[in-house]
Amino acid sequence: MSEFGKSLLKSAKQAAEIAAGTAKPGTYRITTYDENGKPQVIADFSEEVLAQMDAEIAAEREAETQQLEREAPSAIKDR
């Protein structure tokens, strides 16, 4: 499983802890409210997981950019 997948699994476990009422403080939550005002958590990520996801996305984009830069000279030669 990729690191990103592990992060998502960890976040899902955190969401389950919130539902059970045993969640640790310091999480980022997306909450909606029904017509009776009852809150419903629809997503929950710790600050650490969000930072890790951002770093992984940035690294993937950088790798794609470097790959395109390496391929560009050979594409021009092939013409």
C-alpha atoms as a PDB file:
ATOM      1  CA  MET A   1       0.000   0.000   0.000  1.00  0.00           C
ATOM      2  CA  SER A   2       1.333   3.464  -0.852  1.00  0.00           C
ATOM      3  CA  GLU A   3       2.060   6.038   1.789  1.00  0.00           C
ATOM      4  CA  PHE A   4      -0.930   8.032   0.545  1.00  0.00           C
ATOM      5  CA  GLY A   5      -3.158   4.976   1.011  1.00  0.00           C
ATOM      6  CA  LYS A   6      -1.820   4.500   4.526  1.00  0.00           C
ATOM      7  CA  SER A   7      -2.591   8.147   5.288  1.00  0.00           C
ATOM      8  CA  LEU A   8      -6.153   7.737   4.056  1.00  0.00           C
ATOM      9  CA  LEU A   9      -6.591   4.601   6.141  1.00  0.00           C
ATOM     10  CA  LYS A  10      -5.304   6.456   9.207  1.00  0.00           C
ATOM     11  CA  SER A  11      -7.772   9.274   8.530  1.00  0.00           C
ATOM     12  CA  ALA A  12     -10.639   6.804   8.204  1.00  0.00           C
ATOM     13  CA  LYS A  13      -9.696   5.360  11.587  1.00  0.00           C
ATOM     14  CA  GLN A  14      -9.712   8.875  13.034  1.00  0.00           C
ATOM     15  CA  ALA A  15     -13.192   9.438  11.587  1.00  0.00           C
ATOM     16  CA  ALA A  16     -14.336   6.227  13.278  1.00  0.00           C
ATOM     17  CA  GLU A  17     -12.907   7.502  16.568  1.00  0.00           C
ATOM     18  CA  ILE A  18     -14.911  10.709  16.175  1.00  0.00           C
ATOM     19  CA  ALA A  19     -18.076   8.713  15.547  1.00  0.00           C
ATOM     20  CA  ALA A  20     -17.380   6.657  18.677  1.00  0.00           C
ATOM     21  CA  GLY A  21     -16.605   9.777  20.703  1.00  0.00           C
ATOM     22  CA  THR A  22     -13.012   8.735  21.420  1.00  0.00           C
ATOM     23  CA  ALA A  23     -11.183  11.059  19.004  1.00  0.00           C
ATOM     24  CA  LYS A  24      -8.078  12.883  20.102  1.00  0.00           C
ATOM     25  CA  PRO A  25      -8.057  16.680  19.879  1.00  0.00           C
ATOM     26  CA  GLY A  26      -6.287  18.554  17.084  1.00  0.00           C
ATOM     27  CA  THR A  27      -8.129  17.297  14.054  1.00  0.00           C
ATOM     28  CA  TYR A  28      -9.524  19.127  11.051  1.00  0.00           C
ATOM     29  CA  ARG A  29     -13.159  18.249  10.428  1.00  0.00           C
ATOM     30  CA  ILE A  30     -15.678  18.986   7.719  1.00  0.00           C
ATOM     31  CA  THR A  31     -19.109  19.032   9.327  1.00  0.00           C
ATOM     32  CA  THR A  32     -22.600  19.443   7.920  1.00  0.00           C
ATOM     33  CA  TYR A  33     -25.794  19.984   9.869  1.00  0.00           C
ATOM     34  CA  ASP A  34     -29.191  18.464   9.158  1.00  0.00           C
ATOM     35  CA  GLU A  35     -32.470  20.399   9.347  1.00  0.00           C
ATOM     36  CA  ASN A  36     -32.686  19.652  13.091  1.00  0.00           C
ATOM     37  CA  GLY A  37     -29.228  21.136  13.695  1.00  0.00           C
ATOM     38  CA  LYS A  38     -27.614  17.778  14.404  1.00  0.00           C
ATOM     39  CA  PRO A  39     -23.950  17.814  13.268  1.00  0.00           C
ATOM     40  CA  GLN A  40     -22.609  15.135  10.954  1.00  0.00           C
ATOM     41  CA  VAL A  41     -18.864  14.805  10.311  1.00  0.00           C
ATOM     42  CA  ILE A  42     -18.335  14.056   6.624  1.00  0.00           C
ATOM     43  CA  ALA A  43     -14.505  14.174   6.641  1.00  0.00           C
ATOM     44  CA  ASP A  44     -11.799  14.213   9.265  1.00  0.00           C
ATOM     45  CA  PHE A  45      -8.075  14.608   8.724  1.00  0.00           C
ATOM     46  CA  SER A  46      -5.427  15.389  11.287  1.00  0.00           C
ATOM     47  CA  GLU A  47      -3.173  18.364  10.580  1.00  0.00           C
ATOM     48  CA  GLU A  48      -0.296  15.909  10.198  1.00  0.00           C
ATOM     49  CA  VAL A  49      -2.100  13.876   7.546  1.00  0.00           C
ATOM     50  CA  LEU A  50      -3.088  17.002   5.607  1.00  0.00           C
ATOM     51  CA  ALA A  51       0.537  18.197   5.608  1.00  0.00           C
ATOM     52  CA  GLN A  52       1.751  14.789   4.473  1.00  0.00           C
ATOM     53  CA  MET A  53      -0.834  14.645   1.675  1.00  0.00           C
ATOM     54  CA  ASP A  54       0.209  18.108   0.473  1.00  0.00           C
ATOM     55  CA  ALA A  55       3.881  17.078   0.499  1.00  0.00           C
ATOM     56  CA  GLU A  56       3.157  13.874  -1.451  1.00  0.00           C
ATOM     57  CA  ILE A  57       1.118  15.732  -4.056  1.00  0.00           C
ATOM     58  CA  ALA A  58       3.900  18.312  -4.469  1.00  0.00           C
ATOM     59  CA  ALA A  59       6.512  15.548  -4.834  1.00  0.00           C
ATOM     60  CA  GLU A  60       4.409  13.754  -7.470  1.00  0.00           C
ATOM     61  CA  ARG A  61       3.976  16.972  -9.454  1.00  0.00           C
ATOM     62  CA  GLU A  62       7.708  17.674  -9.256  1.00  0.00           C
ATOM     63  CA  ALA A  63       8.502  14.150 -10.482  1.00  0.00           C
ATOM     64  CA  GLU A  64       6.081  14.565 -13.404  1.00  0.00           C
ATOM     65  CA  THR A  65       7.657  17.911 -14.296  1.00  0.00           C
ATOM     66  CA  GLN A  66      11.159  16.403 -14.222  1.00  0.00           C
ATOM     67  CA  GLN A  67      10.013  13.466 -16.368  1.00  0.00           C
ATOM     68  CA  LEU A  68       8.537  15.837 -18.959  1.00  0.00           C
ATOM     69  CA  GLU A  69      11.743  17.883 -18.975  1.00  0.00           C
ATOM     70  CA  ARG A  70      13.825  14.728 -19.556  1.00  0.00           C
ATOM     71  CA  GLU A  71      11.539  13.578 -22.381  1.00  0.00           C
ATOM     72  CA  ALA A  72      11.305  16.955 -24.137  1.00  0.00           C
ATOM     73  CA  PRO A  73      14.803  16.933 -25.743  1.00  0.00           C
ATOM     74  CA  SER A  74      14.340  13.408 -27.134  1.00  0.00           C
ATOM     75  CA  ALA A  75      10.934  14.347 -28.565  1.00  0.00           C
ATOM     76  CA  ILE A  76      12.537  17.243 -30.423  1.00  0.00           C
ATOM     77  CA  LYS A  77      15.363  15.012 -31.784  1.00  0.00           C
ATOM     78  CA  ASP A  78      12.866  12.466 -33.107  1.00  0.00           C
ATOM     79  CA  ARG A  79      11.288  14.995 -35.459  1.00  0.00           C
END
